[in-house]
């Protein structure tokens, strides 16, 4: 639902700024891709990720008790 709102609003934003994007690719892939990464840092519930990339422990987002560490990792990425 959030991505649906973001794509519509970002299409309007880029049109208003006169950025030529007739198919909305920046909105769909750029803006919603960034939201997808950031949402992992917020909503990861700890059911996956143990020992991925040699990092022990499961991935938990901010809303599931993981603190800001995963969110900052996604923001930097």
Protein backbone atom coordinates (compact mmCIF):
# COMPACT_ATOMS: atom_id res chain seq x y z
CA UNK A 1 0.00 0.00 0.00
CA UNK A 2 2.81 2.36 0.83
CA UNK A 3 4.57 1.63 -2.47
CA UNK A 4 1.34 2.31 -4.35
CA UNK A 5 1.03 5.74 -2.81
CA UNK A 6 4.72 6.46 -3.31
CA UNK A 7 4.66 5.62 -7.01
CA UNK A 8 1.71 7.89 -7.72
CA UNK A 9 3.09 10.80 -5.70
CA UNK A 10 6.57 10.47 -7.17
CA UNK A 11 5.20 10.42 -10.74
CA UNK A 12 3.41 13.69 -9.96
CA UNK A 13 6.59 15.07 -8.39
CA UNK A 14 8.80 14.24 -11.39
CA UNK A 15 6.20 15.57 -13.82
CA UNK A 16 6.00 18.82 -11.85
CA UNK A 17 9.80 19.15 -11.95
CA UNK A 18 9.63 18.54 -15.74
CA UNK A 19 11.86 15.46 -15.61
CA UNK A 20 11.25 13.42 -18.75
CA UNK A 21 10.10 10.00 -17.55
CA UNK A 22 7.12 9.00 -19.72
CA UNK A 23 6.72 5.49 -18.31
CA UNK A 24 7.40 6.28 -14.64
CA UNK A 25 10.53 4.13 -14.43
CA UNK A 26 12.21 6.41 -11.90
CA UNK A 27 9.17 6.20 -9.66
CA UNK A 28 8.68 2.46 -9.94
CA UNK A 29 12.26 1.26 -9.84
CA UNK A 30 14.09 4.11 -8.12
CA UNK A 31 11.70 5.42 -5.49
CA UNK A 32 9.95 2.13 -4.74
CA UNK A 33 13.24 0.23 -4.87
CA UNK A 34 14.64 2.56 -2.23
CA UNK A 35 11.47 2.13 -0.16
CA UNK A 36 11.82 -1.65 -0.41
CA UNK A 37 15.34 -1.50 1.01
CA UNK A 38 14.40 0.88 3.81
CA UNK A 39 11.30 -1.10 4.71
CA UNK A 40 13.46 -4.12 5.48
CA UNK A 41 15.19 -2.06 8.15
CA UNK A 42 11.80 -1.23 9.60
CA UNK A 43 9.67 -4.37 9.21
CA UNK A 44 12.06 -7.37 9.28
CA UNK A 45 10.58 -9.75 11.84
CA UNK A 46 13.56 -11.99 12.63
CA UNK A 47 12.48 -15.11 10.73
CA UNK A 48 15.44 -15.16 8.33
CA UNK A 49 19.01 -14.06 7.83
CA UNK A 50 20.97 -16.22 10.28
CA UNK A 51 24.61 -16.42 9.13
CA UNK A 52 23.99 -14.63 5.84
CA UNK A 53 27.21 -12.93 4.77
CA UNK A 54 28.91 -14.53 7.79
CA UNK A 55 26.89 -12.37 10.21
CA UNK A 56 25.42 -14.38 13.09
CA UNK A 57 21.86 -13.80 14.21
CA UNK A 58 18.56 -13.13 12.51
CA UNK A 59 17.59 -9.86 10.86
CA UNK A 60 15.21 -7.73 12.92
CA UNK A 61 13.95 -4.34 11.93
CA UNK A 62 13.24 -1.33 14.07
CA UNK A 63 9.60 -2.26 14.71
CA UNK A 64 10.53 -5.80 15.84
CA UNK A 65 13.16 -4.94 18.41
CA UNK A 66 16.20 -4.80 16.16
CA UNK A 67 17.05 -1.22 16.98
CA UNK A 68 18.41 1.22 14.46
CA UNK A 69 21.33 -0.96 13.30
CA UNK A 70 19.52 -2.73 10.45
CA UNK A 71 17.78 0.45 9.36
CA UNK A 72 21.11 2.31 9.21
CA UNK A 73 22.66 -0.58 7.27
CA UNK A 74 19.85 -0.33 4.70
CA UNK A 75 20.11 3.45 4.58
CA UNK A 76 23.87 3.31 3.91
CA UNK A 77 23.36 0.59 1.30
